[in-house]
Amino acid sequence: MLDLFPETEKPFDIIPARKLSARAAALYVASSDDFQTRSVEALRLGFAGIDGDFHAGATRRSGGREPWYPRGTEMRNERQLSIVAADELAVVAERMGLAEIKPEWIGANMLIEGVPHLSMLPAGSLLFFKGGVTIKVDAQNGPCRLAGRAVAENAGMADIEAGALLFPKAAKRLRGLVAWVEKPGVIKAGEEMSVRVPEQWIYQA
């Protein structure tokens, strides 16, 4: 039988799957007409995401993040939830010369504690909540000027436009994750979870 990956060639490195412990330190929801969020004690999740949230829906319309489709193409909504970490937001705030960046300003639905380098969790990572909900990570959430403008306005920056432009640079790989609901239910603030990071591989050039 032909061996596609002979041991001597080592075409890629394998990083084994692993589990992490974490918790949902805070939860947030957005009104149906604005992406900025407000703090809540629980999130009620269905297969379409958070009930009544700005980003809820089984499908969504494509935008600038999907240049391979004509703008406005209906597609699966893999961006039902926005997940961030306090330590990463603190770094972004420092880079922008701000005292803080609140999760609500950038439309976060969940503030996670206990996962180092949260934004670097790979696609396919699973968040298993103690109450039974499962959320699946789609990708990093690329920072944009719209969120940057919200940060600049809420922080009272003197130059709103400059702040809007600075945020995408300052928040690169620190903006958190987007995810979708794999198993619905209710998540409560402070709820514990386990994170399953899937096996990964790194190709050798």
N, C-alpha and C. Protein backbone atom coordinates (compact mmCIF):
# COMPACT_ATOMS: atom_id res chain seq x y z
N MET A 1 0.85 -1.20 0.00
CA MET A 1 0.00 0.00 0.00
C MET A 1 0.89 1.25 0.00
N LEU A 2 0.52 2.21 -0.80
CA LEU A 2 1.29 3.46 -0.88
C LEU A 2 1.15 4.25 0.41
N ASP A 3 2.27 4.62 1.00
CA ASP A 3 2.26 5.43 2.22
C ASP A 3 2.33 6.90 1.81
N LEU A 4 1.22 7.60 1.98
CA LEU A 4 1.16 9.00 1.56
C LEU A 4 2.04 9.91 2.41
N PHE A 5 2.26 9.52 3.67
CA PHE A 5 3.04 10.35 4.59
C PHE A 5 4.13 9.52 5.25
N PRO A 6 5.17 9.17 4.50
CA PRO A 6 6.26 8.38 5.11
C PRO A 6 6.87 9.12 6.28
N GLU A 7 7.21 8.39 7.32
CA GLU A 7 7.70 8.98 8.56
C GLU A 7 8.92 9.86 8.35
N THR A 8 9.76 9.50 7.39
CA THR A 8 11.00 10.25 7.17
C THR A 8 10.74 11.66 6.65
N GLU A 9 9.59 11.89 6.01
CA GLU A 9 9.33 13.20 5.44
C GLU A 9 8.75 14.18 6.45
N LYS A 10 8.01 13.68 7.47
CA LYS A 10 7.39 14.52 8.48
C LYS A 10 6.71 15.74 7.85
N PRO A 11 5.65 15.52 7.06
CA PRO A 11 5.02 16.66 6.37
C PRO A 11 4.29 17.63 7.29
N PHE A 12 3.93 17.18 8.52
CA PHE A 12 3.27 18.09 9.44
C PHE A 12 3.47 17.62 10.87
N ASP A 13 3.32 18.58 11.79
CA ASP A 13 3.37 18.28 13.22
C ASP A 13 1.95 18.17 13.74
N ILE A 14 1.72 17.18 14.61
CA ILE A 14 0.41 16.98 15.19
C ILE A 14 0.39 17.52 16.62
N ILE A 15 -0.61 18.36 16.91
CA ILE A 15 -0.83 18.85 18.27
C ILE A 15 -2.07 18.12 18.81
N PRO A 16 -1.90 17.29 19.84
CA PRO A 16 -3.03 16.48 20.33
C PRO A 16 -4.19 17.34 20.83
N ALA A 17 -5.39 16.76 20.79
CA ALA A 17 -6.56 17.41 21.37
C ALA A 17 -6.37 17.55 22.87
N ARG A 18 -7.01 18.54 23.47
CA ARG A 18 -6.87 18.75 24.90
C ARG A 18 -8.13 19.41 25.45
N LYS A 19 -8.26 19.38 26.78
CA LYS A 19 -9.41 19.99 27.44
C LYS A 19 -8.95 21.07 28.41
N LEU A 20 -9.76 22.12 28.51
CA LEU A 20 -9.50 23.23 29.42
C LEU A 20 -10.75 23.47 30.27
N SER A 21 -10.54 24.03 31.44
CA SER A 21 -11.66 24.41 32.30
C SER A 21 -11.79 25.93 32.28
N ALA A 22 -13.03 26.41 32.24
CA ALA A 22 -13.27 27.85 32.16
C ALA A 22 -14.64 28.16 32.72
N ARG A 23 -15.01 29.44 32.66
CA ARG A 23 -16.35 29.83 33.08
C ARG A 23 -16.80 31.06 32.32
N ALA A 24 -18.11 31.20 32.21
CA ALA A 24 -18.70 32.38 31.59
C ALA A 24 -18.85 33.45 32.66
N ALA A 25 -17.87 34.35 32.75
CA ALA A 25 -17.86 35.34 33.82
C ALA A 25 -19.00 36.34 33.70
N ALA A 26 -19.40 36.67 32.46
CA ALA A 26 -20.49 37.62 32.25
C ALA A 26 -21.15 37.34 30.92
N LEU A 27 -22.43 37.67 30.83
CA LEU A 27 -23.21 37.45 29.62
C LEU A 27 -23.87 38.74 29.16
N TYR A 28 -24.08 38.85 27.86
CA TYR A 28 -24.61 40.08 27.30
C TYR A 28 -25.54 39.76 26.12
N VAL A 29 -26.48 40.66 25.87
CA VAL A 29 -27.38 40.52 24.73
C VAL A 29 -27.57 41.88 24.07
N ALA A 30 -27.77 41.86 22.76
CA ALA A 30 -27.99 43.09 22.01
C ALA A 30 -29.46 43.20 21.63
N SER A 31 -29.96 44.42 21.56
CA SER A 31 -31.31 44.62 21.07
C SER A 31 -31.34 44.27 19.58
N SER A 32 -32.51 44.17 19.03
CA SER A 32 -32.64 43.73 17.64
C SER A 32 -32.17 44.75 16.62
N ASP A 33 -31.89 45.99 17.06
CA ASP A 33 -31.52 47.03 16.10
C ASP A 33 -30.16 47.67 16.37
N ASP A 34 -29.37 47.08 17.25
CA ASP A 34 -28.04 47.64 17.57
C ASP A 34 -27.12 46.51 18.02
N PHE A 35 -25.87 46.51 17.50
CA PHE A 35 -24.96 45.42 17.83
C PHE A 35 -24.37 45.53 19.24
N GLN A 36 -24.38 46.74 19.84
CA GLN A 36 -23.85 46.87 21.20
C GLN A 36 -24.77 46.15 22.19
N THR A 37 -24.16 45.59 23.22
CA THR A 37 -24.90 44.70 24.12
C THR A 37 -25.08 45.29 25.51
N ARG A 38 -25.89 44.62 26.32
CA ARG A 38 -26.09 44.98 27.72
C ARG A 38 -25.99 43.71 28.56
N SER A 39 -25.61 43.87 29.81
CA SER A 39 -25.39 42.74 30.70
C SER A 39 -26.72 42.07 31.07
N VAL A 40 -26.71 40.73 31.11
CA VAL A 40 -27.87 39.95 31.53
C VAL A 40 -27.39 38.80 32.42
N GLU A 41 -28.31 38.20 33.15
CA GLU A 41 -27.98 37.09 34.05
C GLU A 41 -28.01 35.73 33.36
N ALA A 42 -28.67 35.66 32.20
CA ALA A 42 -28.77 34.38 31.50
C ALA A 42 -28.99 34.63 30.01
N LEU A 43 -28.57 33.66 29.20
CA LEU A 43 -28.82 33.68 27.77
C LEU A 43 -29.66 32.46 27.41
N ARG A 44 -30.76 32.69 26.72
CA ARG A 44 -31.59 31.58 26.25
C ARG A 44 -31.23 31.34 24.78
N LEU A 45 -30.70 30.17 24.50
CA LEU A 45 -30.16 29.87 23.18
C LEU A 45 -30.98 28.82 22.46
N GLY A 46 -31.25 29.10 21.19
CA GLY A 46 -31.86 28.12 20.29
C GLY A 46 -30.89 27.84 19.16
N PHE A 47 -31.31 27.06 18.21
CA PHE A 47 -30.42 26.76 17.08
C PHE A 47 -30.14 28.01 16.24
N ALA A 48 -30.94 29.04 16.39
CA ALA A 48 -30.72 30.29 15.66
C ALA A 48 -29.90 31.29 16.47
N GLY A 49 -29.43 30.88 17.65
CA GLY A 49 -28.63 31.79 18.48
C GLY A 49 -29.41 32.28 19.68
N ILE A 50 -29.10 33.50 20.12
CA ILE A 50 -29.73 34.08 21.31
C ILE A 50 -31.08 34.68 20.93
N ASP A 51 -32.12 34.30 21.63
CA ASP A 51 -33.46 34.81 21.36
C ASP A 51 -33.47 36.34 21.36
N GLY A 52 -33.87 36.94 20.24
CA GLY A 52 -34.03 38.38 20.16
C GLY A 52 -32.76 39.17 19.97
N ASP A 53 -31.60 38.51 19.88
CA ASP A 53 -30.33 39.23 19.76
C ASP A 53 -30.13 39.77 18.34
N PHE A 54 -29.32 40.80 18.24
CA PHE A 54 -29.02 41.45 16.96
C PHE A 54 -28.47 40.46 15.94
N HIS A 55 -27.67 39.49 16.40
CA HIS A 55 -27.03 38.53 15.49
C HIS A 55 -27.76 37.19 15.41
N ALA A 56 -28.96 37.11 15.96
CA ALA A 56 -29.70 35.86 15.94
C ALA A 56 -30.13 35.52 14.51
N GLY A 57 -30.28 34.23 14.26
CA GLY A 57 -30.75 33.78 12.95
C GLY A 57 -30.02 32.53 12.51
N ALA A 58 -30.74 31.64 11.85
CA ALA A 58 -30.09 30.45 11.29
C ALA A 58 -29.25 30.81 10.09
N THR A 59 -29.63 31.88 9.39
CA THR A 59 -28.85 32.36 8.25
C THR A 59 -28.58 33.86 8.43
N ARG A 60 -27.69 34.39 7.62
CA ARG A 60 -27.38 35.81 7.62
C ARG A 60 -27.03 36.24 6.20
N ARG A 61 -26.84 37.53 6.00
CA ARG A 61 -26.45 38.06 4.70
C ARG A 61 -24.94 38.29 4.66
N SER A 62 -24.31 37.91 3.59
CA SER A 62 -22.86 38.09 3.47
C SER A 62 -22.52 39.57 3.36
N GLY A 63 -21.28 39.88 3.80
CA GLY A 63 -20.79 41.26 3.76
C GLY A 63 -19.34 41.30 3.31
N GLY A 64 -18.62 42.29 3.82
CA GLY A 64 -17.23 42.46 3.42
C GLY A 64 -16.32 41.33 3.86
N ARG A 65 -16.74 40.54 4.84
CA ARG A 65 -15.92 39.42 5.31
C ARG A 65 -15.97 38.23 4.35
N GLU A 66 -16.93 38.25 3.43
CA GLU A 66 -17.08 37.15 2.48
C GLU A 66 -17.01 37.66 1.04
N PRO A 67 -15.82 38.08 0.59
CA PRO A 67 -15.70 38.66 -0.75
C PRO A 67 -15.96 37.66 -1.87
N TRP A 68 -16.02 36.38 -1.52
CA TRP A 68 -16.27 35.35 -2.54
C TRP A 68 -17.75 35.26 -2.93
N TYR A 69 -18.65 35.97 -2.17
CA TYR A 69 -20.06 36.02 -2.51
C TYR A 69 -20.46 37.45 -2.86
N PRO A 70 -21.43 37.63 -3.72
CA PRO A 70 -21.99 38.98 -3.89
C PRO A 70 -22.56 39.45 -2.54
N ARG A 71 -22.32 40.70 -2.22
CA ARG A 71 -22.80 41.23 -0.94
C ARG A 71 -24.32 41.03 -0.82
N GLY A 72 -24.74 40.53 0.35
CA GLY A 72 -26.15 40.30 0.58
C GLY A 72 -26.60 38.88 0.29
N THR A 73 -25.66 38.00 -0.07
CA THR A 73 -26.02 36.60 -0.32
C THR A 73 -26.43 35.92 0.98
N GLU A 74 -27.54 35.20 0.97
CA GLU A 74 -27.94 34.48 2.17
C GLU A 74 -27.03 33.28 2.39
N MET A 75 -26.56 33.12 3.61
CA MET A 75 -25.62 32.05 3.96
C MET A 75 -25.86 31.62 5.40
N ARG A 76 -25.27 30.50 5.78
CA ARG A 76 -25.41 30.02 7.14
C ARG A 76 -24.83 31.05 8.12
N ASN A 77 -25.50 31.24 9.25
CA ASN A 77 -25.04 32.18 10.26
C ASN A 77 -24.13 31.46 11.25
N GLU A 78 -22.83 31.58 11.04
CA GLU A 78 -21.85 30.99 11.94
C GLU A 78 -21.35 32.03 12.94
N ARG A 79 -21.96 33.23 12.92
CA ARG A 79 -21.56 34.33 13.79
C ARG A 79 -22.69 34.68 14.77
N GLN A 80 -23.32 33.66 15.35
CA GLN A 80 -24.43 33.89 16.26
C GLN A 80 -24.00 34.50 17.59
N LEU A 81 -22.79 34.17 18.03
CA LEU A 81 -22.30 34.67 19.32
C LEU A 81 -20.90 35.25 19.18
N SER A 82 -20.65 36.28 19.96
CA SER A 82 -19.32 36.90 20.05
C SER A 82 -18.77 36.65 21.45
N ILE A 83 -17.56 36.09 21.52
CA ILE A 83 -16.95 35.69 22.79
C ILE A 83 -15.62 36.41 22.96
N VAL A 84 -15.41 37.01 24.14
CA VAL A 84 -14.18 37.77 24.39
C VAL A 84 -13.58 37.39 25.74
N ALA A 85 -12.36 37.87 25.97
CA ALA A 85 -11.65 37.64 27.24
C ALA A 85 -11.18 38.98 27.79
N ALA A 86 -11.27 39.15 29.11
CA ALA A 86 -10.91 40.42 29.75
C ALA A 86 -9.44 40.76 29.57
N ASP A 87 -8.56 39.75 29.67
CA ASP A 87 -7.14 40.03 29.56
C ASP A 87 -6.77 40.53 28.17
N GLU A 88 -7.43 40.00 27.14
CA GLU A 88 -7.14 40.46 25.78
C GLU A 88 -7.68 41.87 25.56
N LEU A 89 -8.86 42.16 26.07
CA LEU A 89 -9.41 43.51 25.92
C LEU A 89 -8.55 44.54 26.64
N ALA A 90 -7.93 44.12 27.75
CA ALA A 90 -7.04 45.03 28.48
C ALA A 90 -5.82 45.40 27.63
N VAL A 91 -5.31 44.44 26.88
CA VAL A 91 -4.17 44.71 26.00
C VAL A 91 -4.58 45.69 24.90
N VAL A 92 -5.74 45.46 24.31
CA VAL A 92 -6.23 46.35 23.25
C VAL A 92 -6.42 47.77 23.79
N ALA A 93 -7.00 47.87 24.98
CA ALA A 93 -7.21 49.19 25.59
C ALA A 93 -5.88 49.92 25.80
N GLU A 94 -4.89 49.19 26.29
CA GLU A 94 -3.58 49.81 26.52
C GLU A 94 -2.98 50.30 25.21
N ARG A 95 -3.11 49.50 24.15
CA ARG A 95 -2.57 49.90 22.85
C ARG A 95 -3.26 51.15 22.31
N MET A 96 -4.52 51.34 22.70
CA MET A 96 -5.27 52.50 22.23
C MET A 96 -5.19 53.67 23.19
N GLY A 97 -4.47 53.51 24.30
CA GLY A 97 -4.33 54.58 25.27
C GLY A 97 -5.59 54.80 26.09
N LEU A 98 -6.39 53.74 26.29
CA LEU A 98 -7.64 53.84 27.03
C LEU A 98 -7.55 53.13 28.37
N ALA A 99 -8.36 53.55 29.31
CA ALA A 99 -8.38 52.90 30.62
C ALA A 99 -9.00 51.52 30.54
N GLU A 100 -9.98 51.33 29.65
CA GLU A 100 -10.66 50.04 29.51
C GLU A 100 -11.42 49.99 28.20
N ILE A 101 -11.76 48.78 27.79
CA ILE A 101 -12.72 48.53 26.73
C ILE A 101 -13.73 47.53 27.28
N LYS A 102 -14.97 47.96 27.38
CA LYS A 102 -15.99 47.08 27.93
C LYS A 102 -16.51 46.12 26.86
N PRO A 103 -16.79 44.87 27.23
CA PRO A 103 -17.30 43.90 26.25
C PRO A 103 -18.55 44.40 25.52
N GLU A 104 -19.41 45.15 26.24
CA GLU A 104 -20.65 45.64 25.65
C GLU A 104 -20.40 46.55 24.45
N TRP A 105 -19.31 47.32 24.52
CA TRP A 105 -19.05 48.29 23.45
C TRP A 105 -18.85 47.62 22.10
N ILE A 106 -18.28 46.42 22.11
CA ILE A 106 -17.96 45.75 20.84
C ILE A 106 -18.91 44.58 20.56
N GLY A 107 -20.06 44.59 21.23
CA GLY A 107 -21.08 43.61 20.92
C GLY A 107 -20.83 42.21 21.41
N ALA A 108 -20.05 42.05 22.48
CA ALA A 108 -19.77 40.71 23.00
C ALA A 108 -21.02 40.13 23.66
N ASN A 109 -21.19 38.83 23.53
CA ASN A 109 -22.26 38.11 24.21
C ASN A 109 -21.77 37.35 25.43
N MET A 110 -20.46 37.12 25.48
CA MET A 110 -19.93 36.29 26.55
C MET A 110 -18.49 36.70 26.88
N LEU A 111 -18.22 36.85 28.18
CA LEU A 111 -16.88 37.12 28.67
C LEU A 111 -16.38 35.85 29.35
N ILE A 112 -15.32 35.27 28.80
CA ILE A 112 -14.81 33.98 29.27
C ILE A 112 -13.57 34.19 30.14
N GLU A 113 -13.50 33.47 31.24
CA GLU A 113 -12.32 33.44 32.10
C GLU A 113 -11.74 32.02 32.12
N GLY A 114 -10.41 31.93 32.11
CA GLY A 114 -9.76 30.63 32.29
C GLY A 114 -9.14 30.04 31.04
N VAL A 115 -9.27 30.70 29.89
CA VAL A 115 -8.70 30.19 28.64
C VAL A 115 -7.58 31.13 28.19
N PRO A 116 -6.32 30.72 28.34
CA PRO A 116 -5.23 31.57 27.87
C PRO A 116 -5.30 31.78 26.36
N HIS A 117 -5.04 33.01 25.92
CA HIS A 117 -5.04 33.32 24.49
C HIS A 117 -6.35 32.86 23.83
N LEU A 118 -7.45 33.30 24.39
CA LEU A 118 -8.76 32.87 23.92
C LEU A 118 -8.92 33.01 22.41
N SER A 119 -8.48 34.14 21.87
CA SER A 119 -8.68 34.41 20.45
C SER A 119 -7.97 33.42 19.55
N MET A 120 -7.02 32.67 20.09
CA MET A 120 -6.27 31.71 19.29
C MET A 120 -6.87 30.31 19.33
N LEU A 121 -8.00 30.13 20.02
CA LEU A 121 -8.66 28.82 19.97
C LEU A 121 -9.00 28.51 18.52
N PRO A 122 -8.71 27.30 18.05
CA PRO A 122 -8.96 26.98 16.65
C PRO A 122 -10.43 26.74 16.35
N ALA A 123 -10.77 26.88 15.09
CA ALA A 123 -12.12 26.54 14.64
C ALA A 123 -12.42 25.09 15.00
N GLY A 124 -13.64 24.85 15.41
CA GLY A 124 -14.04 23.50 15.80
C GLY A 124 -13.94 23.24 17.29
N SER A 125 -13.35 24.17 18.05
CA SER A 125 -13.30 24.01 19.50
C SER A 125 -14.73 24.01 20.04
N LEU A 126 -14.98 23.19 21.05
CA LEU A 126 -16.32 23.05 21.62
C LEU A 126 -16.35 23.54 23.05
N LEU A 127 -17.36 24.33 23.38
CA LEU A 127 -17.57 24.83 24.74
C LEU A 127 -18.76 24.09 25.33
N PHE A 128 -18.48 23.21 26.31
CA PHE A 128 -19.52 22.43 26.95
C PHE A 128 -19.88 23.06 28.29
N PHE A 129 -21.07 23.65 28.38
CA PHE A 129 -21.49 24.32 29.60
C PHE A 129 -22.11 23.33 30.57
N LYS A 130 -21.91 23.59 31.86
CA LYS A 130 -22.37 22.67 32.90
C LYS A 130 -23.87 22.42 32.81
N GLY A 131 -24.63 23.44 32.38
CA GLY A 131 -26.07 23.31 32.28
C GLY A 131 -26.56 22.55 31.05
N GLY A 132 -25.64 22.17 30.15
CA GLY A 132 -26.02 21.36 29.01
C GLY A 132 -25.86 21.98 27.64
N VAL A 133 -25.63 23.29 27.57
CA VAL A 133 -25.46 23.96 26.27
C VAL A 133 -24.09 23.63 25.68
N THR A 134 -24.05 23.49 24.36
CA THR A 134 -22.77 23.34 23.65
C THR A 134 -22.68 24.41 22.58
N ILE A 135 -21.54 25.10 22.55
CA ILE A 135 -21.28 26.13 21.55
C ILE A 135 -20.03 25.72 20.77
N LYS A 136 -20.07 25.92 19.46
CA LYS A 136 -18.93 25.55 18.61
C LYS A 136 -18.28 26.79 18.01
N VAL A 137 -16.97 26.88 18.15
CA VAL A 137 -16.21 28.02 17.64
C VAL A 137 -16.09 27.93 16.13
N ASP A 138 -16.40 29.03 15.45
CA ASP A 138 -16.21 29.08 14.00
C ASP A 138 -14.85 29.64 13.63
N ALA A 139 -14.48 30.79 14.22
CA ALA A 139 -13.23 31.45 13.82
C ALA A 139 -12.93 32.61 14.75
N GLN A 140 -11.76 33.20 14.54
CA GLN A 140 -11.46 34.47 15.20
C GLN A 140 -12.42 35.53 14.68
N ASN A 141 -12.72 36.48 15.53
CA ASN A 141 -13.56 37.60 15.15
C ASN A 141 -12.66 38.74 14.69
N GLY A 142 -12.61 38.97 13.41
CA GLY A 142 -11.75 40.02 12.89
C GLY A 142 -12.23 41.39 13.31
N PRO A 143 -11.37 42.23 13.91
CA PRO A 143 -11.79 43.57 14.35
C PRO A 143 -12.09 44.47 13.17
N CYS A 144 -13.10 45.31 13.32
CA CYS A 144 -13.52 46.18 12.22
C CYS A 144 -13.69 47.62 12.71
N ARG A 145 -13.86 48.54 11.78
CA ARG A 145 -14.00 49.96 12.11
C ARG A 145 -15.32 50.25 12.81
N LEU A 146 -16.35 49.47 12.53
CA LEU A 146 -17.64 49.69 13.19
C LEU A 146 -17.50 49.51 14.70
N ALA A 147 -16.85 48.43 15.12
CA ALA A 147 -16.59 48.22 16.54
C ALA A 147 -15.64 49.29 17.07
N GLY A 148 -14.66 49.66 16.24
CA GLY A 148 -13.72 50.70 16.64
C GLY A 148 -14.39 52.03 16.90
N ARG A 149 -15.37 52.36 16.09
CA ARG A 149 -16.12 53.61 16.30
C ARG A 149 -16.89 53.56 17.61
N ALA A 150 -17.48 52.39 17.91
CA ALA A 150 -18.22 52.24 19.16
C ALA A 150 -17.28 52.40 20.36
N VAL A 151 -16.08 51.84 20.26
CA VAL A 151 -15.10 51.99 21.33
C VAL A 151 -14.73 53.45 21.50
N ALA A 152 -14.41 54.12 20.40
CA ALA A 152 -14.00 55.52 20.46
C ALA A 152 -15.09 56.41 21.05
N GLU A 153 -16.33 56.17 20.66
CA GLU A 153 -17.44 56.99 21.17
C GLU A 153 -17.69 56.72 22.65
N ASN A 154 -17.73 55.46 23.04
CA ASN A 154 -18.00 55.13 24.44
C ASN A 154 -16.87 55.55 25.37
N ALA A 155 -15.64 55.50 24.86
CA ALA A 155 -14.48 55.89 25.68
C ALA A 155 -14.28 57.40 25.69
N GLY A 156 -15.03 58.12 24.87
CA GLY A 156 -14.89 59.57 24.82
C GLY A 156 -13.60 60.04 24.18
N MET A 157 -13.13 59.31 23.17
CA MET A 157 -11.90 59.72 22.49
C MET A 157 -12.12 61.04 21.76
N ALA A 158 -11.11 61.87 21.75
CA ALA A 158 -11.23 63.19 21.13
C ALA A 158 -11.41 63.07 19.62
N ASP A 159 -10.74 62.09 19.00
CA ASP A 159 -10.83 61.90 17.55
C ASP A 159 -11.50 60.56 17.29
N ILE A 160 -12.78 60.58 17.02
CA ILE A 160 -13.56 59.36 16.82
C ILE A 160 -13.06 58.58 15.61
N GLU A 161 -12.80 59.26 14.52
CA GLU A 161 -12.36 58.59 13.30
C GLU A 161 -11.01 57.91 13.50
N ALA A 162 -10.10 58.59 14.18
CA ALA A 162 -8.79 58.00 14.45
C ALA A 162 -8.93 56.75 15.33
N GLY A 163 -9.82 56.82 16.31
CA GLY A 163 -10.07 55.67 17.17
C GLY A 163 -10.64 54.50 16.41
N ALA A 164 -11.59 54.80 15.49
CA ALA A 164 -12.20 53.76 14.67
C ALA A 164 -11.17 53.06 13.81
N LEU A 165 -10.20 53.82 13.30
CA LEU A 165 -9.15 53.25 12.46
C LEU A 165 -8.10 52.50 13.28
N LEU A 166 -7.86 52.96 14.51
CA LEU A 166 -6.84 52.34 15.35
C LEU A 166 -7.27 50.98 15.88
N PHE A 167 -8.55 50.83 16.18
CA PHE A 167 -9.02 49.59 16.79
C PHE A 167 -8.69 48.33 15.99
N PRO A 168 -8.92 48.27 14.67
CA PRO A 168 -8.60 47.05 13.94
C PRO A 168 -7.13 46.65 14.05
N LYS A 169 -6.24 47.64 14.14
CA LYS A 169 -4.82 47.32 14.29
C LYS A 169 -4.50 46.87 15.71
N ALA A 170 -5.04 47.57 16.69
CA ALA A 170 -4.75 47.26 18.09
C ALA A 170 -5.36 45.94 18.52
N ALA A 171 -6.48 45.57 17.91
CA ALA A 171 -7.21 44.37 18.35
C ALA A 171 -6.93 43.14 17.49
N LYS A 172 -6.00 43.22 16.57
CA LYS A 172 -5.71 42.07 15.71
C LYS A 172 -5.33 40.85 16.54
N ARG A 173 -6.03 39.75 16.34
CA ARG A 173 -5.85 38.48 17.06
C ARG A 173 -6.14 38.58 18.56
N LEU A 174 -6.86 39.63 18.95
CA LEU A 174 -7.25 39.82 20.35
C LEU A 174 -8.74 40.15 20.47
N ARG A 175 -9.48 40.03 19.39
CA ARG A 175 -10.88 40.46 19.33
C ARG A 175 -11.84 39.37 19.79
N GLY A 176 -11.30 38.18 20.11
CA GLY A 176 -12.15 37.09 20.54
C GLY A 176 -12.59 36.20 19.40
N LEU A 177 -13.72 35.54 19.59
CA LEU A 177 -14.18 34.50 18.67
C LEU A 177 -15.63 34.72 18.28
N VAL A 178 -16.00 34.16 17.14
CA VAL A 178 -17.41 34.02 16.80
C VAL A 178 -17.75 32.54 16.83
N ALA A 179 -18.99 32.24 17.21
CA ALA A 179 -19.39 30.85 17.41
C ALA A 179 -20.87 30.69 17.13
N TRP A 180 -21.31 29.45 17.10
CA TRP A 180 -22.72 29.16 16.86
C TRP A 180 -23.19 28.06 17.82
N VAL A 181 -24.50 27.96 17.96
CA VAL A 181 -25.09 27.04 18.92
C VAL A 181 -25.19 25.64 18.32
N GLU A 182 -24.52 24.68 18.95
CA GLU A 182 -24.63 23.29 18.52
C GLU A 182 -25.71 22.55 19.31
N LYS A 183 -25.82 22.86 20.60
CA LYS A 183 -26.85 22.23 21.45
C LYS A 183 -27.48 23.34 22.29
N PRO A 184 -28.76 23.61 22.08
CA PRO A 184 -29.40 24.77 22.73
C PRO A 184 -29.74 24.54 24.20
N GLY A 185 -30.12 25.64 24.85
CA GLY A 185 -30.49 25.62 26.25
C GLY A 185 -30.26 26.99 26.86
N VAL A 186 -30.04 27.03 28.16
CA VAL A 186 -29.85 28.30 28.88
C VAL A 186 -28.48 28.31 29.54
N ILE A 187 -27.74 29.41 29.36
CA ILE A 187 -26.45 29.63 30.03
C ILE A 187 -26.66 30.70 31.09
N LYS A 188 -26.12 30.49 32.28
CA LYS A 188 -26.23 31.46 33.36
C LYS A 188 -24.87 32.12 33.61
N ALA A 189 -24.91 33.38 34.00
CA ALA A 189 -23.68 34.11 34.31
C ALA A 189 -22.92 33.39 35.42
N GLY A 190 -21.62 33.20 35.23
CA GLY A 190 -20.80 32.50 36.20
C GLY A 190 -20.74 31.00 35.99
N GLU A 191 -21.46 30.51 35.01
CA GLU A 191 -21.53 29.06 34.79
C GLU A 191 -20.18 28.49 34.34
N GLU A 192 -19.84 27.33 34.88
CA GLU A 192 -18.60 26.65 34.51
C GLU A 192 -18.77 25.89 33.20
N MET A 193 -17.65 25.68 32.54
CA MET A 193 -17.67 24.94 31.27
C MET A 193 -16.35 24.21 31.09
N SER A 194 -16.35 23.27 30.17
CA SER A 194 -15.11 22.65 29.72
C SER A 194 -14.95 22.97 28.24
N VAL A 195 -13.73 23.20 27.83
CA VAL A 195 -13.43 23.55 26.44
C VAL A 195 -12.63 22.41 25.82
N ARG A 196 -13.15 21.84 24.75
CA ARG A 196 -12.42 20.80 24.04
C ARG A 196 -11.76 21.41 22.82
N VAL A 197 -10.43 21.45 22.84
CA VAL A 197 -9.65 21.97 21.72
C VAL A 197 -9.30 20.78 20.82
N PRO A 198 -9.71 20.80 19.57
CA PRO A 198 -9.50 19.63 18.71
C PRO A 198 -8.03 19.43 18.33
N GLU A 199 -7.74 18.24 17.86
CA GLU A 199 -6.40 17.96 17.33
C GLU A 199 -6.11 18.92 16.18
N GLN A 200 -4.86 19.39 16.15
CA GLN A 200 -4.45 20.32 15.09
C GLN A 200 -3.19 19.80 14.44
N TRP A 201 -2.94 20.30 13.25
CA TRP A 201 -1.72 19.93 12.55
C TRP A 201 -1.10 21.15 11.88
N ILE A 202 0.22 21.18 11.85
CA ILE A 202 0.97 22.30 11.30
C ILE A 202 1.82 21.75 10.15
N TYR A 203 1.55 22.20 8.94
CA TYR A 203 2.29 21.71 7.78
C TYR A 203 3.71 22.28 7.77
N GLN A 204 4.64 21.43 7.38
CA GLN A 204 6.02 21.85 7.24
C GLN A 204 6.26 22.28 5.80
N ALA A 205 6.82 23.47 5.61
CA ALA A 205 7.07 23.97 4.26
C ALA A 205 8.19 23.17 3.60
